[in-house]
Amino acid sequence: MGLTTILRGFKVPVTLLDRFFEANGVMPTFNYPPRYDRIISPGNEDIIPAVDPHTALVRARLPPGTSQNQNTRLFMPNCDGMALAAHAYISYAFIHVFVQRQIDVPRELPETPPEGFRELRREILGFVQEGEMEEALGVAGMLPATEGVGTDPAGMLFVIVSDERAFSWKGPFLREADRCCDQCPEEFESYLDFQAHRRDVHGVAWKQTALPNDL
């Protein structure tokens, strides 16, 4: 299942981002997107991290109070059959769209980055090597297209698609209401379990499930 993500944050070349990771003791991404789900094996709950190590590092670079923000996360686009992405995105706010949904932009995707986010962008861009800066900033999305309100380079609005990137059927990826059955109060942590419940309990055939209007 692919992810369509709408995010606020900044875009950065993977080459610079990987230098930043290496300098801070984290393995480079090598242009591969992180997994977004948390797979827990019995007895290993304390061994498997809740987020990828790259996201964990990014959160740790922010001031106390923002470092645990679940919306601060690394995203990398991915399209089956095409080359790996040359750019990644660091978000401070994001939502996923499963089929279609209404967006409360001021609340869900605020324009103003949190404290420390501009400094984080500058720190990562500081890993540019001689002669790279002009080319790096010349890529679409690296700088605002216009000047004025809502054009903070650390808080731009992006839409990305990642094919076949697994994600957890729960927060922060989905709202609590998104996991509830539309015919009873039951909640689920798996889309397959959700559909099986509708079939077995409510008699709704799999392909008769209507497309959700706000998910």
C-alpha atoms as a PDB file:
ATOM      1  CA  MET A   1       0.000   0.000   0.000  1.00  0.00           C
ATOM      2  CA  GLY A   2       1.402   3.387  -0.934  1.00  0.00           C
ATOM      3  CA  LEU A   3       1.364   6.555   1.116  1.00  0.00           C
ATOM      4  CA  THR A   4       0.208   9.933  -0.120  1.00  0.00           C
ATOM      5  CA  THR A   5       1.603  12.449   2.334  1.00  0.00           C
ATOM      6  CA  ILE A   6       0.945  16.170   2.635  1.00  0.00           C
ATOM      7  CA  LEU A   7       3.527  17.814   4.844  1.00  0.00           C
ATOM      8  CA  ARG A   8       4.944  21.071   6.115  1.00  0.00           C
ATOM      9  CA  GLY A   9       8.691  21.253   6.431  1.00  0.00           C
ATOM     10  CA  PHE A  10      11.719  21.505   4.196  1.00  0.00           C
ATOM     11  CA  LYS A  11      13.250  19.675   1.270  1.00  0.00           C
ATOM     12  CA  VAL A  12      16.903  18.672   1.277  1.00  0.00           C
ATOM     13  CA  PRO A  13      19.244  16.771  -1.087  1.00  0.00           C
ATOM     14  CA  VAL A  14      19.849  13.239   0.161  1.00  0.00           C
ATOM     15  CA  THR A  15      23.595  13.707  -0.330  1.00  0.00           C
ATOM     16  CA  LEU A  16      23.635  16.483   2.292  1.00  0.00           C
ATOM     17  CA  LEU A  17      21.254  14.628   4.566  1.00  0.00           C
ATOM     18  CA  ASP A  18      23.413  11.494   4.515  1.00  0.00           C
ATOM     19  CA  ARG A  19      26.503  13.549   5.402  1.00  0.00           C
ATOM     20  CA  PHE A  20      24.553  14.967   8.344  1.00  0.00           C
ATOM     21  CA  PHE A  21      23.565  11.469   9.465  1.00  0.00           C
ATOM     22  CA  GLU A  22      27.093  10.083   9.138  1.00  0.00           C
ATOM     23  CA  ALA A  23      28.536  13.017  11.088  1.00  0.00           C
ATOM     24  CA  ASN A  24      26.132  12.181  13.902  1.00  0.00           C
ATOM     25  CA  GLY A  25      26.803   8.442  13.969  1.00  0.00           C
ATOM     26  CA  VAL A  26      23.748   7.264  12.020  1.00  0.00           C
ATOM     27  CA  MET A  27      23.988   5.093   8.916  1.00  0.00           C
ATOM     28  CA  PRO A  28      23.229   6.986   5.675  1.00  0.00           C
ATOM     29  CA  THR A  29      19.932   6.350   3.930  1.00  0.00           C
ATOM     30  CA  PHE A  30      21.611   5.604   0.585  1.00  0.00           C
ATOM     31  CA  ASN A  31      18.426   7.139  -0.917  1.00  0.00           C
ATOM     32  CA  TYR A  32      16.170   4.386   0.464  1.00  0.00           C
ATOM     33  CA  PRO A  33      12.970   5.518   2.233  1.00  0.00           C
ATOM     34  CA  PRO A  34      12.562   4.475   5.873  1.00  0.00           C
ATOM     35  CA  ARG A  35       9.881   2.033   6.931  1.00  0.00           C
ATOM     36  CA  TYR A  36       7.065   3.826   8.686  1.00  0.00           C
ATOM     37  CA  ASP A  37       5.594   0.956  10.679  1.00  0.00           C
ATOM     38  CA  ARG A  38       6.722  -0.505  13.972  1.00  0.00           C
ATOM     39  CA  ILE A  39       7.035  -4.278  13.884  1.00  0.00           C
ATOM     40  CA  ILE A  40       7.125  -5.683  17.403  1.00  0.00           C
ATOM     41  CA  SER A  41       8.149  -9.251  18.156  1.00  0.00           C
ATOM     42  CA  PRO A  42       7.129 -10.795  21.493  1.00  0.00           C
ATOM     43  CA  GLY A  43       9.716  -9.909  24.112  1.00  0.00           C
ATOM     44  CA  ASN A  44      11.484  -7.375  21.862  1.00  0.00           C
ATOM     45  CA  GLU A  45       9.391  -4.307  22.631  1.00  0.00           C
ATOM     46  CA  ASP A  46      12.368  -2.475  24.114  1.00  0.00           C
ATOM     47  CA  ILE A  47      14.714  -3.438  21.265  1.00  0.00           C
ATOM     48  CA  ILE A  48      12.770  -2.316  18.198  1.00  0.00           C
ATOM     49  CA  PRO A  49      12.537   1.504  18.089  1.00  0.00           C
ATOM     50  CA  ALA A  50       9.265   3.326  17.583  1.00  0.00           C
ATOM     51  CA  VAL A  51      10.751   5.323  14.671  1.00  0.00           C
ATOM     52  CA  ASP A  52      13.594   4.917  12.224  1.00  0.00           C
ATOM     53  CA  PRO A  53      17.008   6.055  13.547  1.00  0.00           C
ATOM     54  CA  HIS A  54      17.129   8.949  11.083  1.00  0.00           C
ATOM     55  CA  THR A  55      13.882  10.424  12.387  1.00  0.00           C
ATOM     56  CA  ALA A  56      15.051   9.821  15.962  1.00  0.00           C
ATOM     57  CA  LEU A  57      18.207  11.852  15.285  1.00  0.00           C
ATOM     58  CA  VAL A  58      16.297  14.702  13.671  1.00  0.00           C
ATOM     59  CA  ARG A  59      13.961  14.892  16.679  1.00  0.00           C
ATOM     60  CA  ALA A  60      16.919  14.868  19.050  1.00  0.00           C
ATOM     61  CA  ARG A  61      18.425  17.925  17.326  1.00  0.00           C
ATOM     62  CA  LEU A  62      15.386  20.045  18.183  1.00  0.00           C
ATOM     63  CA  PRO A  63      15.023  21.904  21.509  1.00  0.00           C
ATOM     64  CA  PRO A  64      13.443  20.090  24.478  1.00  0.00           C
ATOM     65  CA  GLY A  65       9.678  20.064  24.141  1.00  0.00           C
ATOM     66  CA  THR A  66       9.766  19.672  20.371  1.00  0.00           C
ATOM     67  CA  SER A  67      12.115  16.686  20.087  1.00  0.00           C
ATOM     68  CA  GLN A  68       9.297  14.263  20.875  1.00  0.00           C
ATOM     69  CA  ASN A  69       6.894  15.796  18.377  1.00  0.00           C
ATOM     70  CA  GLN A  70       5.463  12.845  16.457  1.00  0.00           C
ATOM     71  CA  ASN A  71       5.022  15.013  13.370  1.00  0.00           C
ATOM     72  CA  THR A  72       8.771  15.579  13.066  1.00  0.00           C
ATOM     73  CA  ARG A  73       9.694  12.833  10.655  1.00  0.00           C
ATOM     74  CA  LEU A  74      11.816  11.919   7.625  1.00  0.00           C
ATOM     75  CA  PHE A  75       9.937  11.254   4.393  1.00  0.00           C
ATOM     76  CA  MET A  76      11.359  10.165   1.047  1.00  0.00           C
ATOM     77  CA  PRO A  77       9.291   9.790  -2.130  1.00  0.00           C
ATOM     78  CA  ASN A  78       9.343   6.478  -3.935  1.00  0.00           C
ATOM     79  CA  CYS A  79       7.802   5.474  -7.271  1.00  0.00           C
ATOM     80  CA  ASP A  80       7.887   1.867  -8.445  1.00  0.00           C
ATOM     81  CA  GLY A  81       9.881   1.411 -11.636  1.00  0.00           C
ATOM     82  CA  MET A  82      11.794   4.688 -11.259  1.00  0.00           C
ATOM     83  CA  ALA A  83      15.124   5.659  -9.719  1.00  0.00           C
ATOM     84  CA  LEU A  84      15.422   6.351  -6.006  1.00  0.00           C
ATOM     85  CA  ALA A  85      14.670   9.915  -4.950  1.00  0.00           C
ATOM     86  CA  ALA A  86      17.499  12.446  -4.886  1.00  0.00           C
ATOM     87  CA  HIS A  87      15.716  14.587  -2.270  1.00  0.00           C
ATOM     88  CA  ALA A  88      14.098  13.961   1.095  1.00  0.00           C
ATOM     89  CA  TYR A  89      11.754  15.942   3.326  1.00  0.00           C
ATOM     90  CA  ILE A  90      11.853  16.718   7.027  1.00  0.00           C
ATOM     91  CA  SER A  91       8.360  17.484   8.328  1.00  0.00           C
ATOM     92  CA  TYR A  92       7.092  19.245  11.419  1.00  0.00           C
ATOM     93  CA  ALA A  93       3.464  18.565  10.449  1.00  0.00           C
ATOM     94  CA  PHE A  94       1.971  15.965   8.122  1.00  0.00           C
ATOM     95  CA  ILE A  95      -1.175  14.068   7.234  1.00  0.00           C
ATOM     96  CA  HIS A  96      -1.768  10.984   5.115  1.00  0.00           C
ATOM     97  CA  VAL A  97      -4.535  10.603   2.551  1.00  0.00           C
ATOM     98  CA  PHE A  98      -5.831   7.060   2.120  1.00  0.00           C
ATOM     99  CA  VAL A  99      -8.538   7.869  -0.449  1.00  0.00           C
ATOM    100  CA  GLN A 100      -9.897  11.395   0.027  1.00  0.00           C
ATOM    101  CA  ARG A 101     -10.239  13.736   2.960  1.00  0.00           C
ATOM    102  CA  GLN A 102     -10.879  17.302   4.007  1.00  0.00           C
ATOM    103  CA  ILE A 103      -7.905  19.183   5.435  1.00  0.00           C
ATOM    104  CA  ASP A 104      -7.999  21.753   8.211  1.00  0.00           C
ATOM    105  CA  VAL A 105      -4.858  23.511   6.993  1.00  0.00           C
ATOM    106  CA  PRO A 106      -4.333  26.061   9.822  1.00  0.00           C
ATOM    107  CA  ARG A 107      -4.685  23.347  12.477  1.00  0.00           C
ATOM    108  CA  GLU A 108      -3.181  20.287  10.765  1.00  0.00           C
ATOM    109  CA  LEU A 109      -0.549  21.977   8.584  1.00  0.00           C
ATOM    110  CA  PRO A 110       0.378  25.290  10.247  1.00  0.00           C
ATOM    111  CA  GLU A 111       2.651  27.618   8.284  1.00  0.00           C
ATOM    112  CA  THR A 112       4.942  28.558  11.175  1.00  0.00           C
ATOM    113  CA  PRO A 113       7.730  26.048  11.928  1.00  0.00           C
ATOM    114  CA  PRO A 114       8.351  25.160  15.591  1.00  0.00           C
ATOM    115  CA  GLU A 115      11.315  26.427  17.548  1.00  0.00           C
ATOM    116  CA  GLY A 116      14.600  25.063  16.258  1.00  0.00           C
ATOM    117  CA  PHE A 117      13.296  23.939  12.884  1.00  0.00           C
ATOM    118  CA  ARG A 118      14.942  26.739  10.879  1.00  0.00           C
ATOM    119  CA  GLU A 119      18.203  26.060  12.719  1.00  0.00           C
ATOM    120  CA  LEU A 120      17.915  22.355  11.880  1.00  0.00           C
ATOM    121  CA  ARG A 121      17.563  23.179   8.182  1.00  0.00           C
ATOM    122  CA  ARG A 122      20.600  25.454   8.308  1.00  0.00           C
ATOM    123  CA  GLU A 123      22.619  22.780  10.113  1.00  0.00           C
ATOM    124  CA  ILE A 124      21.847  20.173   7.450  1.00  0.00           C
ATOM    125  CA  LEU A 125      22.553  22.613   4.604  1.00  0.00           C
ATOM    126  CA  GLY A 126      25.862  23.327   6.328  1.00  0.00           C
ATOM    127  CA  PHE A 127      27.091  19.967   5.009  1.00  0.00           C
ATOM    128  CA  VAL A 128      27.156  21.322   1.471  1.00  0.00           C
ATOM    129  CA  GLN A 129      30.559  21.113  -0.151  1.00  0.00           C
ATOM    130  CA  GLU A 130      32.287  23.812  -2.148  1.00  0.00           C
ATOM    131  CA  GLY A 131      30.481  24.597  -5.361  1.00  0.00           C
ATOM    132  CA  GLU A 132      27.300  22.659  -4.467  1.00  0.00           C
ATOM    133  CA  MET A 133      25.148  25.333  -2.851  1.00  0.00           C
ATOM    134  CA  GLU A 134      23.932  27.158  -5.966  1.00  0.00           C
ATOM    135  CA  GLU A 135      22.923  23.905  -7.664  1.00  0.00           C
ATOM    136  CA  ALA A 136      21.288  22.549  -4.495  1.00  0.00           C
ATOM    137  CA  LEU A 137      19.158  25.646  -3.931  1.00  0.00           C
ATOM    138  CA  GLY A 138      18.204  25.823  -7.618  1.00  0.00           C
ATOM    139  CA  VAL A 139      16.061  22.673  -7.385  1.00  0.00           C
ATOM    140  CA  ALA A 140      12.303  23.235  -7.173  1.00  0.00           C
ATOM    141  CA  GLY A 141      11.128  23.193  -3.568  1.00  0.00           C
ATOM    142  CA  MET A 142      14.442  24.141  -2.015  1.00  0.00           C
ATOM    143  CA  LEU A 143      13.455  27.806  -1.814  1.00  0.00           C
ATOM    144  CA  PRO A 144      10.050  29.522  -1.867  1.00  0.00           C
ATOM    145  CA  ALA A 145       8.876  30.587  -5.306  1.00  0.00           C
ATOM    146  CA  THR A 146       7.792  33.999  -3.978  1.00  0.00           C
ATOM    147  CA  GLU A 147       8.612  36.220  -1.045  1.00  0.00           C
ATOM    148  CA  GLY A 148       6.264  37.239   1.730  1.00  0.00           C
ATOM    149  CA  VAL A 149       3.852  35.533   4.105  1.00  0.00           C
ATOM    150  CA  GLY A 150       3.910  31.751   4.039  1.00  0.00           C
ATOM    151  CA  THR A 151       7.222  31.473   2.243  1.00  0.00           C
ATOM    152  CA  ASP A 152       9.474  30.326   5.056  1.00  0.00           C
ATOM    153  CA  PRO A 153      11.887  27.798   3.467  1.00  0.00           C
ATOM    154  CA  ALA A 154      11.635  25.668   6.626  1.00  0.00           C
ATOM    155  CA  GLY A 155       7.840  25.548   6.458  1.00  0.00           C
ATOM    156  CA  MET A 156       6.838  24.932   2.865  1.00  0.00           C
ATOM    157  CA  LEU A 157       3.941  22.742   1.782  1.00  0.00           C
ATOM    158  CA  PHE A 158       4.655  19.529  -0.143  1.00  0.00           C
ATOM    159  CA  VAL A 159       2.772  16.490  -1.435  1.00  0.00           C
ATOM    160  CA  ILE A 160       4.738  13.272  -1.864  1.00  0.00           C
ATOM    161  CA  VAL A 161       3.866   9.685  -2.786  1.00  0.00           C
ATOM    162  CA  SER A 162       5.740   6.630  -1.546  1.00  0.00           C
ATOM    163  CA  ASP A 163       4.764   3.404  -3.276  1.00  0.00           C
ATOM    164  CA  GLU A 164       4.694   0.248  -1.195  1.00  0.00           C
ATOM    165  CA  ARG A 165       5.887   1.845   2.021  1.00  0.00           C
ATOM    166  CA  ALA A 166       4.322   0.065   4.971  1.00  0.00           C
ATOM    167  CA  PHE A 167       2.824   2.188   7.731  1.00  0.00           C
ATOM    168  CA  SER A 168       1.083   1.566  10.999  1.00  0.00           C
ATOM    169  CA  TRP A 169      -2.736   1.619  11.011  1.00  0.00           C
ATOM    170  CA  LYS A 170      -2.719   3.972  14.028  1.00  0.00           C
ATOM    171  CA  GLY A 171      -1.392   7.318  15.202  1.00  0.00           C
ATOM    172  CA  PRO A 172       0.407   9.393  14.224  1.00  0.00           C
ATOM    173  CA  PHE A 173      -0.430   8.188  10.725  1.00  0.00           C
ATOM    174  CA  LEU A 174      -4.176   7.901  11.248  1.00  0.00           C
ATOM    175  CA  ARG A 175      -6.620   9.685  13.485  1.00  0.00           C
ATOM    176  CA  GLU A 176      -8.374   7.568  16.110  1.00  0.00           C
ATOM    177  CA  ALA A 177     -11.684   7.973  14.273  1.00  0.00           C
ATOM    178  CA  ASP A 178     -10.130   6.567  11.091  1.00  0.00           C
ATOM    179  CA  ARG A 179      -9.670   3.187  12.787  1.00  0.00           C
ATOM    180  CA  CYS A 180     -13.273   2.850  13.970  1.00  0.00           C
ATOM    181  CA  CYS A 181     -15.926   0.704  12.329  1.00  0.00           C
ATOM    182  CA  ASP A 182     -18.646   2.816  10.727  1.00  0.00           C
ATOM    183  CA  GLN A 183     -21.342   0.499  12.123  1.00  0.00           C
ATOM    184  CA  CYS A 184     -20.159  -0.124  15.684  1.00  0.00           C
ATOM    185  CA  PRO A 185     -17.617   1.235  18.224  1.00  0.00           C
ATOM    186  CA  GLU A 186     -14.965  -1.419  17.415  1.00  0.00           C
ATOM    187  CA  GLU A 187     -11.445  -0.100  16.669  1.00  0.00           C
ATOM    188  CA  PHE A 188      -8.684  -1.755  14.642  1.00  0.00           C
ATOM    189  CA  GLU A 189      -4.935  -1.527  14.114  1.00  0.00           C
ATOM    190  CA  SER A 190      -5.021  -3.284  10.741  1.00  0.00           C
ATOM    191  CA  TYR A 191      -6.919  -2.422   7.566  1.00  0.00           C
ATOM    192  CA  LEU A 192      -7.294  -6.129   6.797  1.00  0.00           C
ATOM    193  CA  ASP A 193      -8.741  -6.781  10.259  1.00  0.00           C
ATOM    194  CA  PHE A 194     -11.088  -3.840   9.772  1.00  0.00           C
ATOM    195  CA  GLN A 195     -12.387  -5.243   6.487  1.00  0.00           C
ATOM    196  CA  ALA A 196     -12.667  -8.776   7.883  1.00  0.00           C
ATOM    197  CA  HIS A 197     -14.721  -7.428  10.791  1.00  0.00           C
ATOM    198  CA  ARG A 198     -17.122  -5.660   8.424  1.00  0.00           C
ATOM    199  CA  ARG A 199     -17.507  -8.879   6.454  1.00  0.00           C
ATOM    200  CA  ASP A 200     -17.858 -11.312   9.363  1.00  0.00           C
ATOM    201  CA  VAL A 201     -19.825  -9.174  11.810  1.00  0.00           C
ATOM    202  CA  HIS A 202     -21.843  -6.865   9.599  1.00  0.00           C
ATOM    203  CA  GLY A 203     -22.118  -8.933   6.430  1.00  0.00           C
ATOM    204  CA  VAL A 204     -20.486  -6.345   4.176  1.00  0.00           C
ATOM    205  CA  ALA A 205     -18.750  -7.981   1.214  1.00  0.00           C
ATOM    206  CA  TRP A 206     -15.161  -6.845   0.745  1.00  0.00           C
ATOM    207  CA  LYS A 207     -15.687  -5.073  -2.576  1.00  0.00           C
ATOM    208  CA  GLN A 208     -18.931  -3.494  -1.384  1.00  0.00           C
ATOM    209  CA  THR A 209     -17.077  -1.318   1.115  1.00  0.00           C
ATOM    210  CA  ALA A 210     -17.642   2.279   0.064  1.00  0.00           C
ATOM    211  CA  LEU A 211     -14.663   4.567  -0.440  1.00  0.00           C
ATOM    212  CA  PRO A 212     -14.268   6.629   2.723  1.00  0.00           C
ATOM    213  CA  ASN A 213     -15.068  10.316   2.334  1.00  0.00           C
ATOM    214  CA  ASP A 214     -12.630  11.597   4.931  1.00  0.00           C
ATOM    215  CA  LEU A 215      -9.630   9.306   5.256  1.00  0.00           C
END
